[in-house]
């Protein structure tokens, strides 16, 4: 359930050094280390990468449940199922299997959105009286905003493949999603459709720390509805068995922010899982950059990094150039910090004003002075505010 977002994405089309105080500019050395040179030097320090995969296995033919975004005349309805991440990972791809109406073309798929939820009570209002029997082990009230990916904004791409021209399930849940005490409807009966496998690629990938989560896909069709297929519970090969394996939940806009258990609450059958898989790789330092791509492993928690996983402090260390040795002088150090800050501005990682402050802090430091005390600055972004932490 997409929540309202009140965020400002600041884009800077002016050079990073515009507006920097003349006194700061005066300290910049003509000696420069290029970003390309740093990348080559740091490449040798990359952490070893381990792959991450998860799957609930193939559809079992038991139930199909609605999962669609709102559209004219149709209420938003969401189905979610759980998975576990044993360590910090970056997820680059997902698949899920469902039903298209018989005769529907793949071109009828107009969009896909993926959301990730914490397990209740995460991201939830626990002071509110729920309109369902229980929220124990359900998805949270709202999604993890930073993990949402949508084809509409280009943060994911998708492809679809017909696996079976005719696939039948024994039961379905489409409209019978009601508040307590009217939640049990026994489902809406058998349904037949085209079995479709949808593959999504995330751009950027989804970074998640070790935890228990729910995966929620939605599919927009030009005609008819997408129904997500169930998978065996407990999970069997080729799926990824884990404990505790919860069950799939469903809600619509009329029930939100609450959720209902598809098996336990609505049909009296199951419980069910849903057919999906995830793949990616580990992210040992938790900076959102996969280990195989991380040119600066060991980044401190919460520090802003570029697409290569490098912070400004790693690109321009106080102790000396990333290539080794020591700074020729203080000006060379400040120049390198300025270059790194300019690059971060160009990538919309920091604002021009934040870059100015970073450069000013570098100019006031002792870095690069012979015998000077080490005084480094790590830049962290907390609640959309960039702060300096000096060591």
Protein backbone atom coordinates (compact mmCIF):
# COMPACT_ATOMS: atom_id res chain seq x y z
CA UNK A 1 0.00 0.00 0.00
CA UNK A 2 1.91 2.99 -1.22
CA UNK A 3 2.06 5.56 1.55
CA UNK A 4 2.31 9.28 0.99
CA UNK A 5 5.89 10.38 0.55
CA UNK A 6 7.00 13.82 1.61
CA UNK A 7 10.51 13.88 0.26
CA UNK A 8 12.43 16.41 -1.82
CA UNK A 9 14.96 15.16 -4.35
CA UNK A 10 17.40 18.01 -4.78
CA UNK A 11 19.13 18.10 -8.16
CA UNK A 12 22.11 20.31 -8.74
CA UNK A 13 22.90 21.36 -12.29
CA UNK A 14 25.66 23.79 -11.26
CA UNK A 15 29.27 22.73 -10.63
CA UNK A 16 29.92 21.48 -7.13
CA UNK A 17 32.40 24.23 -6.34
CA UNK A 18 30.16 27.12 -7.34
CA UNK A 19 29.45 29.19 -4.27
CA UNK A 20 32.38 27.78 -2.31
CA UNK A 21 34.03 30.50 -0.28
CA UNK A 22 37.18 32.01 -1.86
CA UNK A 23 39.18 31.20 1.26
CA UNK A 24 38.36 27.53 0.76
CA UNK A 25 39.16 27.61 -2.94
CA UNK A 26 42.52 29.16 -2.12
CA UNK A 27 43.55 26.03 -0.29
CA UNK A 28 42.95 23.72 -3.24
CA UNK A 29 46.11 22.24 -4.66
CA UNK A 30 46.84 21.86 -8.33
CA UNK A 31 47.91 18.29 -7.61
CA UNK A 32 44.94 15.99 -8.29
CA UNK A 33 44.17 12.28 -8.16
CA UNK A 34 41.50 11.35 -10.69
CA UNK A 35 38.45 9.27 -9.77
CA UNK A 36 39.44 6.72 -12.41
CA UNK A 37 42.87 6.24 -10.84
CA UNK A 38 41.31 5.78 -7.42
CA UNK A 39 38.85 3.24 -8.80
CA UNK A 40 41.68 1.14 -10.24
CA UNK A 41 43.65 1.32 -7.01
CA UNK A 42 40.70 0.44 -4.82
CA UNK A 43 39.51 -2.38 -7.09
CA UNK A 44 42.07 -4.70 -5.60
CA UNK A 45 40.47 -4.28 -2.17
CA UNK A 46 37.04 -5.59 -3.21
CA UNK A 47 35.38 -7.95 -0.77
CA UNK A 48 34.65 -11.50 -1.84
CA UNK A 49 31.00 -11.87 -2.86
CA UNK A 50 28.55 -14.62 -1.98
CA UNK A 51 25.32 -15.09 -3.89
CA UNK A 52 21.90 -14.87 -2.24
CA UNK A 53 18.96 -16.88 -3.51
CA UNK A 54 15.53 -17.64 -2.11
CA UNK A 55 12.53 -19.49 -3.54
CA UNK A 56 9.20 -20.82 -2.32
CA UNK A 57 9.18 -23.34 -5.17
CA UNK A 58 6.75 -24.04 -7.99
CA UNK A 59 2.97 -23.36 -7.90
CA UNK A 60 0.94 -26.10 -6.21
CA UNK A 61 -2.47 -25.46 -7.80
CA UNK A 62 -4.25 -24.83 -4.51
CA UNK A 63 -5.22 -21.14 -4.64
CA UNK A 64 -4.79 -17.92 -6.62
CA UNK A 65 -5.19 -14.52 -5.00
CA UNK A 66 -5.61 -11.03 -6.39
CA UNK A 67 -2.72 -8.56 -6.34
CA UNK A 68 -3.35 -5.39 -8.37
CA UNK A 69 -2.84 -1.62 -8.08
CA UNK A 70 -5.80 0.75 -8.04
CA UNK A 71 -7.28 1.65 -11.42
CA UNK A 72 -10.54 3.23 -12.60
CA UNK A 73 -13.40 1.23 -11.07
CA UNK A 74 -11.05 -1.20 -9.29
CA UNK A 75 -9.86 -1.11 -5.69
CA UNK A 76 -6.25 -1.83 -4.83
CA UNK A 77 -5.73 -5.36 -3.51
CA UNK A 78 -2.43 -6.75 -2.22
CA UNK A 79 -1.13 -10.23 -1.49
CA UNK A 80 2.14 -10.71 0.43
CA UNK A 81 4.27 -13.69 1.49
CA UNK A 82 7.31 -13.86 3.75
CA UNK A 83 11.01 -14.61 3.35
CA UNK A 84 14.14 -14.42 5.50
CA UNK A 85 17.45 -12.67 4.80
CA UNK A 86 20.22 -14.29 6.90
CA UNK A 87 22.73 -11.47 6.34
CA UNK A 88 22.87 -8.07 4.67
CA UNK A 89 22.14 -8.50 0.97
CA UNK A 90 21.49 -6.57 -2.21
CA UNK A 91 18.60 -8.07 -4.21
CA UNK A 92 18.83 -7.47 -7.94
CA UNK A 93 16.13 -9.76 -9.32
CA UNK A 94 12.83 -11.42 -8.40
CA UNK A 95 10.36 -13.72 -10.10
CA UNK A 96 6.76 -14.54 -9.26
CA UNK A 97 4.17 -16.77 -10.91
CA UNK A 98 0.50 -16.08 -11.39
CA UNK A 99 -2.49 -16.30 -13.70
CA UNK A 100 -3.51 -14.08 -16.58
CA UNK A 101 -7.06 -14.35 -17.94
CA UNK A 102 -7.46 -16.97 -20.68
CA UNK A 103 -6.66 -15.42 -24.03
CA UNK A 104 -4.96 -12.33 -22.57
CA UNK A 105 -1.81 -11.24 -24.37
CA UNK A 106 1.43 -10.60 -22.51
CA UNK A 107 1.19 -7.04 -23.84
CA UNK A 108 -1.82 -6.55 -21.54
CA UNK A 109 0.63 -6.29 -18.63
CA UNK A 110 0.88 -2.53 -18.17
CA UNK A 111 3.04 -2.30 -15.06
CA UNK A 112 4.59 -4.05 -12.07
CA UNK A 113 5.30 -2.71 -8.59
CA UNK A 114 7.21 -4.50 -5.82
CA UNK A 115 7.04 -3.59 -2.14
CA UNK A 116 8.84 -5.09 0.86
CA UNK A 117 7.36 -5.05 4.38
CA UNK A 118 8.69 -5.67 7.84
CA UNK A 119 6.83 -8.20 9.94
CA UNK A 120 4.26 -6.64 12.30
CA UNK A 121 4.65 -4.68 14.57
CA UNK A 122 7.33 -3.12 12.37
CA UNK A 123 6.20 0.06 10.59
CA UNK A 124 2.80 -0.18 12.29
CA UNK A 125 0.49 1.72 14.62
CA UNK A 126 0.14 -0.62 17.59
CA UNK A 127 -2.18 1.77 19.45
CA UNK A 128 -4.95 1.35 16.87
CA UNK A 129 -7.65 -1.32 17.36
CA UNK A 130 -7.35 -3.67 14.36
CA UNK A 131 -10.41 -4.67 12.31
CA UNK A 132 -9.19 -8.28 12.02
CA UNK A 133 -8.79 -11.21 14.40
CA UNK A 134 -5.02 -10.85 14.66
CA UNK A 135 -2.03 -9.04 13.21
CA UNK A 136 0.49 -11.47 14.68
CA UNK A 137 3.02 -12.42 11.96
CA UNK A 138 1.34 -10.21 9.36
CA UNK A 139 3.08 -7.63 7.17
CA UNK A 140 3.39 -4.18 8.73
CA UNK A 141 0.94 -1.34 8.13
CA UNK A 142 3.13 0.35 5.52
CA UNK A 143 5.93 -0.73 3.21
CA UNK A 144 9.64 -0.04 3.52
CA UNK A 145 9.77 3.07 1.38
CA UNK A 146 13.39 2.68 0.32
CA UNK A 147 12.70 -0.86 -0.94
CA UNK A 148 9.78 0.00 -3.25
CA UNK A 149 10.43 -0.48 -6.97
CA UNK A 150 7.98 0.41 -9.75
CA UNK A 151 8.09 0.06 -13.52
CA UNK A 152 6.20 3.37 -13.71
CA UNK A 153 9.22 5.32 -12.44
CA UNK A 154 11.89 3.14 -14.06
CA UNK A 155 13.16 1.62 -10.80
CA UNK A 156 12.41 -1.85 -12.13
CA UNK A 157 12.11 -3.52 -15.52
CA UNK A 158 10.13 -6.68 -16.16
CA UNK A 159 9.54 -9.43 -18.67
CA UNK A 160 6.83 -12.08 -18.80
CA UNK A 161 6.72 -15.65 -20.12
CA UNK A 162 3.71 -17.93 -20.56
CA UNK A 163 4.57 -21.18 -18.79
CA UNK A 164 1.26 -22.96 -19.35
CA UNK A 165 -1.60 -21.91 -21.63
CA UNK A 166 -4.12 -23.39 -19.18
CA UNK A 167 -3.54 -23.77 -15.45
CA UNK A 168 -6.27 -24.42 -12.89
CA UNK A 169 -6.40 -23.87 -9.14
CA UNK A 170 -8.90 -25.22 -6.64
CA UNK A 171 -9.82 -21.91 -5.01
CA UNK A 172 -9.36 -18.15 -5.31
CA UNK A 173 -9.70 -14.91 -3.34
CA UNK A 174 -10.57 -11.78 -5.31
CA UNK A 175 -13.35 -9.77 -3.70
CA UNK A 176 -14.15 -11.59 -0.45
CA UNK A 177 -11.82 -9.57 1.81
CA UNK A 178 -13.87 -8.43 4.80
CA UNK A 179 -13.37 -7.06 8.27
CA UNK A 180 -14.02 -9.18 11.36
CA UNK A 181 -16.42 -10.91 11.99
CA UNK A 182 -17.21 -11.45 8.29
CA UNK A 183 -13.75 -12.51 7.17
CA UNK A 184 -14.47 -16.18 6.45
CA UNK A 185 -15.95 -16.57 2.95
CA UNK A 186 -14.39 -19.95 2.07
CA UNK A 187 -12.99 -18.34 -1.05
CA UNK A 188 -14.53 -17.75 -4.46
CA UNK A 189 -13.98 -21.13 -6.07
CA UNK A 190 -11.85 -22.67 -8.76
CA UNK A 191 -10.36 -20.60 -11.56
CA UNK A 192 -8.43 -21.32 -14.74
CA UNK A 193 -6.05 -19.00 -16.54
CA UNK A 194 -2.69 -18.76 -18.27
CA UNK A 195 0.25 -19.49 -15.98
CA UNK A 196 2.71 -16.61 -16.37
CA UNK A 197 6.20 -16.16 -14.93
CA UNK A 198 7.12 -12.50 -14.38
CA UNK A 199 10.80 -11.63 -13.95
CA UNK A 200 11.78 -8.24 -12.54
CA UNK A 201 15.16 -6.53 -12.38
CA UNK A 202 15.64 -3.81 -9.78
CA UNK A 203 17.42 -0.57 -10.63
CA UNK A 204 18.76 0.24 -8.15
CA UNK A 205 18.91 -3.12 -6.37
CA UNK A 206 17.10 -3.48 -3.04
CA UNK A 207 19.43 -3.42 -0.03
CA UNK A 208 18.16 -5.27 3.05
CA UNK A 209 19.82 -6.06 6.38
CA UNK A 210 19.35 -9.47 7.97
CA UNK A 211 15.70 -9.81 9.02
CA UNK A 212 12.31 -11.38 8.30
CA UNK A 213 10.29 -9.64 5.54
CA UNK A 214 7.23 -9.86 3.29
CA UNK A 215 7.37 -9.64 -0.51
CA UNK A 216 4.40 -7.98 -2.23
CA UNK A 217 4.07 -7.80 -6.06
CA UNK A 218 1.29 -5.99 -7.91
CA UNK A 219 0.50 -6.31 -11.60
CA UNK A 220 -1.58 -3.89 -13.66
CA UNK A 221 -3.49 -5.42 -16.60
CA UNK A 222 -5.31 -3.54 -19.34
CA UNK A 223 -8.16 -6.04 -19.01
CA UNK A 224 -8.94 -8.52 -16.25
CA UNK A 225 -6.89 -9.22 -13.13
CA UNK A 226 -3.59 -10.85 -12.18
CA UNK A 227 -3.89 -13.62 -9.58
CA UNK A 228 -0.79 -14.72 -7.67
CA UNK A 229 -0.43 -18.51 -7.41
CA UNK A 230 0.22 -20.38 -4.17
CA UNK A 231 3.27 -22.55 -3.50
CA UNK A 232 3.75 -25.53 -1.15
CA UNK A 233 3.83 -24.97 2.58
CA UNK A 234 6.06 -26.24 4.08
CA UNK A 235 8.46 -25.35 1.29
CA UNK A 236 9.86 -28.31 -0.66
CA UNK A 237 12.67 -28.61 -3.23
CA UNK A 238 13.52 -26.70 -5.35
CA UNK A 239 12.37 -24.10 -2.83
CA UNK A 240 14.37 -22.67 0.07
CA UNK A 241 13.07 -24.08 3.34
CA UNK A 242 13.28 -21.81 6.40
CA UNK A 243 11.71 -21.38 9.83
CA UNK A 244 9.50 -19.84 10.89
CA UNK A 245 7.72 -19.94 7.53
CA UNK A 246 4.65 -17.76 8.06
CA UNK A 247 1.81 -17.66 5.51
CA UNK A 248 0.47 -15.43 2.76
CA UNK A 249 -1.75 -12.48 3.70
CA UNK A 250 -4.11 -10.25 1.72
CA UNK A 251 -5.84 -6.88 2.05
CA UNK A 252 -7.59 -4.24 -0.03
CA UNK A 253 -8.03 -0.51 0.42
CA UNK A 254 -11.18 -1.08 2.47
CA UNK A 255 -9.30 -3.26 4.98
CA UNK A 256 -5.97 -1.40 5.07
CA UNK A 257 -3.84 -0.96 7.06
CA UNK A 258 -4.89 -4.38 8.35
CA UNK A 259 -4.25 -7.74 6.66
CA UNK A 260 -6.06 -11.10 6.64
CA UNK A 261 -4.53 -14.58 6.55
CA UNK A 262 -5.66 -16.11 3.27
CA UNK A 263 -5.83 -19.64 4.62
CA UNK A 264 -6.59 -19.27 8.33
CA UNK A 265 -8.98 -16.30 8.16
CA UNK A 266 -10.65 -16.38 4.73
CA UNK A 267 -10.78 -19.91 3.28
CA UNK A 268 -10.28 -22.14 6.33
CA UNK A 269 -7.73 -24.06 4.24
CA UNK A 270 -3.96 -24.07 3.96
CA UNK A 271 -2.16 -22.05 5.24
CA UNK A 272 -0.53 -21.08 1.94
CA UNK A 273 2.69 -19.70 0.59
CA UNK A 274 2.94 -17.79 -2.70
CA UNK A 275 5.19 -18.63 -5.67
CA UNK A 276 8.19 -16.30 -5.89
CA UNK A 277 11.98 -16.18 -5.86
CA UNK A 278 14.69 -13.62 -5.08
CA UNK A 279 18.33 -13.41 -6.11
CA UNK A 280 21.25 -11.10 -5.43
CA UNK A 281 24.41 -11.16 -3.40
CA UNK A 282 25.87 -10.27 -0.03
CA UNK A 283 26.77 -6.76 1.10
CA UNK A 284 29.22 -7.25 3.95
CA UNK A 285 29.52 -3.60 4.98
CA UNK A 286 25.80 -2.82 4.47
CA UNK A 287 26.38 0.21 2.26
CA UNK A 288 23.87 -0.84 -0.41
CA UNK A 289 26.54 -1.87 -2.94
CA UNK A 290 26.95 -5.58 -3.67
CA UNK A 291 30.28 -7.05 -2.58
CA UNK A 292 31.35 -7.90 -6.14
CA UNK A 293 30.94 -4.24 -7.11
CA UNK A 294 32.19 -2.69 -3.88
CA UNK A 295 35.56 -1.05 -4.47
CA UNK A 296 35.76 0.16 -0.87
CA UNK A 297 34.87 -2.69 1.51
CA UNK A 298 34.54 -1.98 5.22
CA UNK A 299 32.67 1.31 4.91
CA UNK A 300 31.40 2.42 8.36
CA UNK A 301 27.65 2.05 8.94
CA UNK A 302 25.48 4.90 7.72
CA UNK A 303 28.15 6.66 5.65
CA UNK A 304 27.13 8.01 2.23
CA UNK A 305 28.79 6.11 -0.61
CA UNK A 306 28.90 6.41 -4.39
CA UNK A 307 27.91 3.74 -6.91
CA UNK A 308 31.24 2.00 -6.27
CA UNK A 309 30.65 1.75 -2.53
CA UNK A 310 33.21 4.42 -1.64
CA UNK A 311 32.73 7.25 0.83
CA UNK A 312 34.44 10.62 0.51
CA UNK A 313 36.69 9.69 3.43
CA UNK A 314 37.74 6.50 1.59
CA UNK A 315 38.38 8.34 -1.66
CA UNK A 316 40.41 11.03 0.12
CA UNK A 317 41.67 9.62 3.46
CA UNK A 318 43.18 12.02 5.95
CA UNK A 319 46.17 9.70 6.41
CA UNK A 320 47.23 9.90 2.76
CA UNK A 321 46.16 9.15 -0.83
CA UNK A 322 44.23 5.95 -1.41
CA UNK A 323 47.14 4.88 -3.64
CA UNK A 324 49.43 4.88 -0.58
CA UNK A 325 52.01 7.19 0.87
CA UNK A 326 51.32 10.59 2.36
CA UNK A 327 49.87 13.84 1.07
CA UNK A 328 52.43 16.23 -0.42
CA UNK A 329 50.75 19.05 1.46
CA UNK A 330 47.46 20.13 2.96
CA UNK A 331 46.29 21.63 -0.32
CA UNK A 332 46.58 18.31 -2.13
CA UNK A 333 44.36 16.70 0.51
CA UNK A 334 41.71 19.43 0.29
CA UNK A 335 41.79 19.25 -3.52
CA UNK A 336 41.11 15.52 -3.41
CA UNK A 337 38.22 16.03 -0.98
CA UNK A 338 36.81 18.70 -3.30
CA UNK A 339 37.00 16.35 -6.29
CA UNK A 340 35.21 13.60 -4.38
CA UNK A 341 32.55 16.02 -3.12
CA UNK A 342 31.97 17.32 -6.65
CA UNK A 343 31.45 13.75 -7.84
CA UNK A 344 28.94 13.11 -5.05
CA UNK A 345 27.00 16.24 -6.02
CA UNK A 346 26.90 15.08 -9.65
CA UNK A 347 25.40 11.77 -8.47
CA UNK A 348 22.76 13.56 -6.33
CA UNK A 349 24.21 11.99 -3.21
CA UNK A 350 24.75 15.34 -1.49
CA UNK A 351 23.74 18.92 -2.20
CA UNK A 352 26.05 21.73 -3.27
CA UNK A 353 25.68 23.27 0.18
CA UNK A 354 26.71 20.01 1.82
CA UNK A 355 29.72 19.77 -0.49
CA UNK A 356 30.74 23.30 0.50
CA UNK A 357 30.62 22.33 4.17
CA UNK A 358 32.61 19.14 3.56
CA UNK A 359 35.32 21.10 1.76
CA UNK A 360 35.34 23.73 4.50
CA UNK A 361 35.80 21.01 7.13
CA UNK A 362 38.68 19.57 5.08
CA UNK A 363 40.29 23.00 4.83
CA UNK A 364 40.10 23.42 8.62
CA UNK A 365 41.55 19.96 9.33
CA UNK A 366 45.17 19.05 10.01
CA UNK A 367 45.25 16.49 7.20
CA UNK A 368 48.26 16.84 4.91
CA UNK A 369 50.37 18.82 7.36
CA UNK A 370 53.65 17.20 8.31
CA UNK A 371 53.31 15.86 11.84
CA UNK A 372 49.72 17.08 12.00
CA UNK A 373 47.12 15.26 14.04
CA UNK A 374 44.77 13.02 12.16
CA UNK A 375 41.31 14.52 11.98
CA UNK A 376 39.01 12.76 9.55
CA UNK A 377 35.38 13.38 8.78
CA UNK A 378 32.78 10.73 8.02
CA UNK A 379 29.60 11.93 6.34
CA UNK A 380 26.42 10.21 7.33
CA UNK A 381 22.88 10.84 6.22
CA UNK A 382 20.35 10.51 9.01
CA UNK A 383 16.71 11.40 8.42
CA UNK A 384 17.65 13.16 5.20
CA UNK A 385 20.10 15.48 7.01
CA UNK A 386 23.82 15.20 6.34
CA UNK A 387 25.99 15.51 9.44
CA UNK A 388 29.73 15.40 10.03
CA UNK A 389 31.28 13.08 12.58
CA UNK A 390 34.90 13.97 13.30
CA UNK A 391 37.50 11.57 14.66
